[in-house]
Amino acid sequence: MGRAEQWPWSSLSRSADTPALDAGPAPRGPGWLEAVNAMMTGAECLAIQESIRRNRPLGSEAWVHATAVKLGLESSLRDRGPGASKPVSEVTVEPE
């Protein structure tokens, strides 16, 4: 199964056994299926892996910072290792 809509548990599935799901907040305009099924870039894969590994929010730099502060995850934004501690105001997140 190479496409998201072919997975039986996918919200894109057209199977009669799949319950209808809410469309959600994201607009699903022209090209939605192509966007969902598009291959991720290496940079996108690395960003997701780092987010999971560090328990760090994933998104734009401003959103990541605001969300980390709101949820008390500031430590996930700091570099690891000796001498790596910086105030959260000096931490930068790699662009998406």
N, C-alpha and C. Protein backbone atom coordinates (compact mmCIF):
# COMPACT_ATOMS: atom_id res chain seq x y z
N MET A 1 0.84 -1.18 0.00
CA MET A 1 0.00 0.00 0.00
C MET A 1 0.89 1.24 0.00
N GLY A 2 0.91 1.90 -1.10
CA GLY A 2 1.78 3.06 -1.23
C GLY A 2 1.11 4.39 -1.00
N ARG A 3 -0.21 4.43 -0.89
CA ARG A 3 -0.91 5.70 -0.74
C ARG A 3 -1.73 5.69 0.55
N ALA A 4 -1.83 6.86 1.18
CA ALA A 4 -2.50 6.97 2.48
C ALA A 4 -3.95 6.49 2.43
N GLU A 5 -4.63 6.75 1.35
CA GLU A 5 -6.05 6.36 1.28
C GLU A 5 -6.25 4.85 1.15
N GLN A 6 -5.18 4.10 0.90
CA GLN A 6 -5.27 2.64 0.81
C GLN A 6 -5.13 1.96 2.18
N TRP A 7 -4.66 2.68 3.18
CA TRP A 7 -4.53 2.10 4.52
C TRP A 7 -5.90 2.06 5.17
N PRO A 8 -6.35 0.91 5.65
CA PRO A 8 -7.71 0.79 6.18
C PRO A 8 -7.98 1.69 7.38
N TRP A 9 -6.98 2.03 8.19
CA TRP A 9 -7.21 2.86 9.37
C TRP A 9 -6.95 4.34 9.12
N SER A 10 -6.66 4.70 7.88
CA SER A 10 -6.40 6.09 7.53
C SER A 10 -7.71 6.87 7.46
N SER A 11 -7.66 8.13 7.87
CA SER A 11 -8.84 8.98 7.75
C SER A 11 -9.16 9.28 6.29
N LEU A 12 -8.22 8.96 5.39
CA LEU A 12 -8.46 9.14 3.96
C LEU A 12 -9.09 7.92 3.31
N SER A 13 -9.20 6.83 4.05
CA SER A 13 -9.75 5.59 3.50
C SER A 13 -11.19 5.78 3.08
N ARG A 14 -11.55 5.16 1.98
CA ARG A 14 -12.93 5.24 1.47
C ARG A 14 -13.68 3.93 1.75
N SER A 15 -13.12 3.10 2.62
CA SER A 15 -13.72 1.81 2.93
C SER A 15 -15.05 1.99 3.65
N ALA A 16 -16.00 1.10 3.37
CA ALA A 16 -17.31 1.15 4.03
C ALA A 16 -17.17 0.86 5.52
N ASP A 17 -16.11 0.17 5.91
CA ASP A 17 -15.89 -0.17 7.32
C ASP A 17 -15.27 0.98 8.12
N THR A 18 -14.85 2.03 7.44
CA THR A 18 -14.20 3.15 8.10
C THR A 18 -15.23 4.18 8.51
N PRO A 19 -15.25 4.57 9.80
CA PRO A 19 -16.21 5.60 10.22
C PRO A 19 -15.87 6.95 9.60
N ALA A 20 -16.88 7.75 9.36
CA ALA A 20 -16.67 9.10 8.84
C ALA A 20 -16.03 9.94 9.94
N LEU A 21 -14.99 10.66 9.59
CA LEU A 21 -14.29 11.49 10.56
C LEU A 21 -14.52 12.96 10.26
N ASP A 22 -14.36 13.78 11.27
CA ASP A 22 -14.45 15.23 11.11
C ASP A 22 -13.36 15.69 10.14
N ALA A 23 -13.66 16.66 9.32
CA ALA A 23 -12.69 17.16 8.34
C ALA A 23 -11.49 17.82 9.01
N GLY A 24 -11.64 18.31 10.23
CA GLY A 24 -10.53 18.93 10.95
C GLY A 24 -10.35 20.39 10.56
N PRO A 25 -9.38 21.05 11.21
CA PRO A 25 -9.20 22.48 11.01
C PRO A 25 -8.43 22.86 9.75
N ALA A 26 -7.68 21.94 9.16
CA ALA A 26 -6.87 22.26 7.98
C ALA A 26 -7.72 22.21 6.72
N PRO A 27 -7.59 23.23 5.87
CA PRO A 27 -8.34 23.19 4.61
C PRO A 27 -7.85 22.05 3.73
N ARG A 28 -8.78 21.39 3.07
CA ARG A 28 -8.43 20.27 2.19
C ARG A 28 -8.82 20.63 0.76
N GLY A 29 -8.13 21.56 0.22
CA GLY A 29 -8.44 22.04 -1.11
C GLY A 29 -7.82 21.18 -2.19
N PRO A 30 -7.73 21.73 -3.40
CA PRO A 30 -7.13 21.00 -4.50
C PRO A 30 -5.70 20.58 -4.16
N GLY A 31 -5.36 19.37 -4.51
CA GLY A 31 -4.01 18.89 -4.27
C GLY A 31 -3.81 18.28 -2.89
N TRP A 32 -4.89 18.14 -2.08
CA TRP A 32 -4.76 17.60 -0.73
C TRP A 32 -4.19 16.19 -0.74
N LEU A 33 -4.74 15.31 -1.55
CA LEU A 33 -4.25 13.93 -1.59
C LEU A 33 -2.80 13.87 -2.03
N GLU A 34 -2.43 14.69 -3.00
CA GLU A 34 -1.05 14.71 -3.46
C GLU A 34 -0.11 15.18 -2.35
N ALA A 35 -0.55 16.18 -1.58
CA ALA A 35 0.26 16.69 -0.48
C ALA A 35 0.44 15.64 0.61
N VAL A 36 -0.64 14.93 0.93
CA VAL A 36 -0.58 13.89 1.97
C VAL A 36 0.34 12.75 1.52
N ASN A 37 0.28 12.40 0.26
CA ASN A 37 1.05 11.27 -0.25
C ASN A 37 2.45 11.64 -0.72
N ALA A 38 2.80 12.93 -0.68
CA ALA A 38 4.12 13.37 -1.15
C ALA A 38 5.23 12.81 -0.26
N MET A 39 6.36 12.52 -0.87
CA MET A 39 7.54 12.05 -0.15
C MET A 39 8.08 13.19 0.71
N MET A 40 8.41 12.88 1.96
CA MET A 40 9.02 13.89 2.83
C MET A 40 10.48 14.08 2.43
N THR A 41 10.97 15.30 2.63
CA THR A 41 12.38 15.57 2.36
C THR A 41 13.21 15.03 3.52
N GLY A 42 14.49 14.90 3.31
CA GLY A 42 15.39 14.48 4.36
C GLY A 42 15.35 15.43 5.55
N ALA A 43 15.28 16.73 5.27
CA ALA A 43 15.23 17.74 6.34
C ALA A 43 13.96 17.60 7.16
N GLU A 44 12.83 17.31 6.50
CA GLU A 44 11.57 17.11 7.23
C GLU A 44 11.65 15.87 8.12
N CYS A 45 12.22 14.80 7.61
CA CYS A 45 12.38 13.57 8.41
C CYS A 45 13.26 13.83 9.62
N LEU A 46 14.38 14.54 9.43
CA LEU A 46 15.28 14.84 10.54
C LEU A 46 14.60 15.72 11.58
N ALA A 47 13.81 16.71 11.13
CA ALA A 47 13.12 17.60 12.06
C ALA A 47 12.11 16.81 12.90
N ILE A 48 11.40 15.88 12.29
CA ILE A 48 10.42 15.06 13.02
C ILE A 48 11.15 14.15 14.01
N GLN A 49 12.23 13.53 13.57
CA GLN A 49 13.00 12.65 14.46
C GLN A 49 13.54 13.43 15.67
N GLU A 50 14.07 14.62 15.44
CA GLU A 50 14.60 15.44 16.52
C GLU A 50 13.48 15.87 17.47
N SER A 51 12.35 16.22 16.93
CA SER A 51 11.20 16.60 17.75
C SER A 51 10.78 15.45 18.67
N ILE A 52 10.72 14.25 18.12
CA ILE A 52 10.35 13.08 18.92
C ILE A 52 11.43 12.77 19.95
N ARG A 53 12.68 12.77 19.52
CA ARG A 53 13.79 12.42 20.41
C ARG A 53 13.92 13.39 21.57
N ARG A 54 13.69 14.67 21.32
CA ARG A 54 13.88 15.70 22.35
C ARG A 54 12.58 16.10 23.04
N ASN A 55 11.45 15.49 22.65
CA ASN A 55 10.14 15.87 23.20
C ASN A 55 9.90 17.36 22.97
N ARG A 56 10.22 17.79 21.75
CA ARG A 56 10.18 19.19 21.36
C ARG A 56 9.00 19.41 20.42
N PRO A 57 8.26 20.52 20.60
CA PRO A 57 7.19 20.82 19.64
C PRO A 57 7.77 20.94 18.23
N LEU A 58 6.94 20.71 17.23
CA LEU A 58 7.37 20.77 15.84
C LEU A 58 6.55 21.82 15.11
N GLY A 59 7.21 22.76 14.48
CA GLY A 59 6.52 23.82 13.74
C GLY A 59 7.48 24.96 13.46
N SER A 60 6.93 26.14 13.23
CA SER A 60 7.76 27.31 12.96
C SER A 60 8.54 27.68 14.23
N GLU A 61 9.64 28.39 14.08
CA GLU A 61 10.48 28.74 15.22
C GLU A 61 9.69 29.49 16.30
N ALA A 62 8.90 30.46 15.89
CA ALA A 62 8.12 31.24 16.86
C ALA A 62 7.11 30.36 17.59
N TRP A 63 6.42 29.50 16.85
CA TRP A 63 5.42 28.62 17.47
C TRP A 63 6.07 27.61 18.40
N VAL A 64 7.20 27.03 17.98
CA VAL A 64 7.92 26.06 18.81
C VAL A 64 8.32 26.70 20.12
N HIS A 65 8.90 27.89 20.06
CA HIS A 65 9.35 28.58 21.26
C HIS A 65 8.17 28.88 22.18
N ALA A 66 7.11 29.48 21.64
CA ALA A 66 5.94 29.83 22.46
C ALA A 66 5.32 28.58 23.09
N THR A 67 5.20 27.52 22.32
CA THR A 67 4.59 26.29 22.81
C THR A 67 5.46 25.63 23.87
N ALA A 68 6.77 25.61 23.66
CA ALA A 68 7.68 25.02 24.64
C ALA A 68 7.60 25.77 25.97
N VAL A 69 7.56 27.09 25.92
CA VAL A 69 7.45 27.89 27.14
C VAL A 69 6.11 27.61 27.82
N LYS A 70 5.04 27.60 27.05
CA LYS A 70 3.69 27.37 27.60
C LYS A 70 3.59 26.01 28.28
N LEU A 71 4.25 24.99 27.71
CA LEU A 71 4.15 23.63 28.23
C LEU A 71 5.30 23.24 29.16
N GLY A 72 6.19 24.19 29.44
CA GLY A 72 7.32 23.90 30.32
C GLY A 72 8.36 22.99 29.69
N LEU A 73 8.52 23.07 28.38
CA LEU A 73 9.47 22.21 27.67
C LEU A 73 10.71 22.98 27.21
N GLU A 74 11.06 24.05 27.92
CA GLU A 74 12.20 24.87 27.51
C GLU A 74 13.48 24.06 27.38
N SER A 75 13.65 23.05 28.24
CA SER A 75 14.87 22.25 28.18
C SER A 75 15.00 21.51 26.85
N SER A 76 13.88 21.24 26.17
CA SER A 76 13.94 20.56 24.88
C SER A 76 14.51 21.44 23.78
N LEU A 77 14.61 22.73 24.04
CA LEU A 77 15.13 23.67 23.05
C LEU A 77 16.63 23.90 23.21
N ARG A 78 17.18 23.55 24.36
CA ARG A 78 18.60 23.80 24.62
C ARG A 78 19.46 22.69 24.04
N ASP A 79 20.68 23.06 23.64
CA ASP A 79 21.65 22.07 23.21
C ASP A 79 22.00 21.17 24.38
N ARG A 80 22.35 19.94 24.09
CA ARG A 80 22.76 19.01 25.14
C ARG A 80 24.26 19.04 25.31
N GLY A 81 24.70 18.63 26.48
CA GLY A 81 26.13 18.48 26.74
C GLY A 81 26.68 19.57 27.64
N PRO A 82 27.93 19.40 28.08
CA PRO A 82 28.55 20.37 28.98
C PRO A 82 28.67 21.74 28.31
N GLY A 83 28.37 22.76 29.07
CA GLY A 83 28.50 24.12 28.57
C GLY A 83 27.47 24.50 27.52
N ALA A 84 26.47 23.67 27.32
CA ALA A 84 25.49 23.94 26.27
C ALA A 84 24.30 24.75 26.76
N SER A 85 24.19 24.95 28.07
CA SER A 85 23.02 25.66 28.61
C SER A 85 23.02 27.12 28.17
N LYS A 86 21.90 27.53 27.65
CA LYS A 86 21.68 28.92 27.26
C LYS A 86 20.31 29.31 27.77
N PRO A 87 20.11 30.59 28.06
CA PRO A 87 18.75 31.00 28.38
C PRO A 87 17.84 30.74 27.19
N VAL A 88 16.57 30.44 27.46
CA VAL A 88 15.62 30.12 26.39
C VAL A 88 15.53 31.26 25.38
N SER A 89 15.73 32.51 25.84
CA SER A 89 15.65 33.65 24.92
C SER A 89 16.73 33.60 23.86
N GLU A 90 17.83 32.86 24.09
CA GLU A 90 18.92 32.77 23.12
C GLU A 90 18.86 31.51 22.27
N VAL A 91 17.89 30.64 22.53
CA VAL A 91 17.80 29.39 21.82
C VAL A 91 17.15 29.61 20.46
N THR A 92 17.73 29.02 19.43
CA THR A 92 17.12 29.08 18.11
C THR A 92 16.79 27.67 17.67
N VAL A 93 15.70 27.55 16.93
CA VAL A 93 15.26 26.27 16.41
C VAL A 93 15.51 26.28 14.93
N GLU A 94 16.03 25.18 14.39
CA GLU A 94 16.32 25.10 12.96
C GLU A 94 15.03 25.29 12.17
N PRO A 95 15.07 26.04 11.09
CA PRO A 95 13.87 26.22 10.26
C PRO A 95 13.41 24.90 9.67
N GLU A 96 12.13 24.88 9.38
CA GLU A 96 11.53 23.66 8.80
C GLU A 96 11.96 23.45 7.38
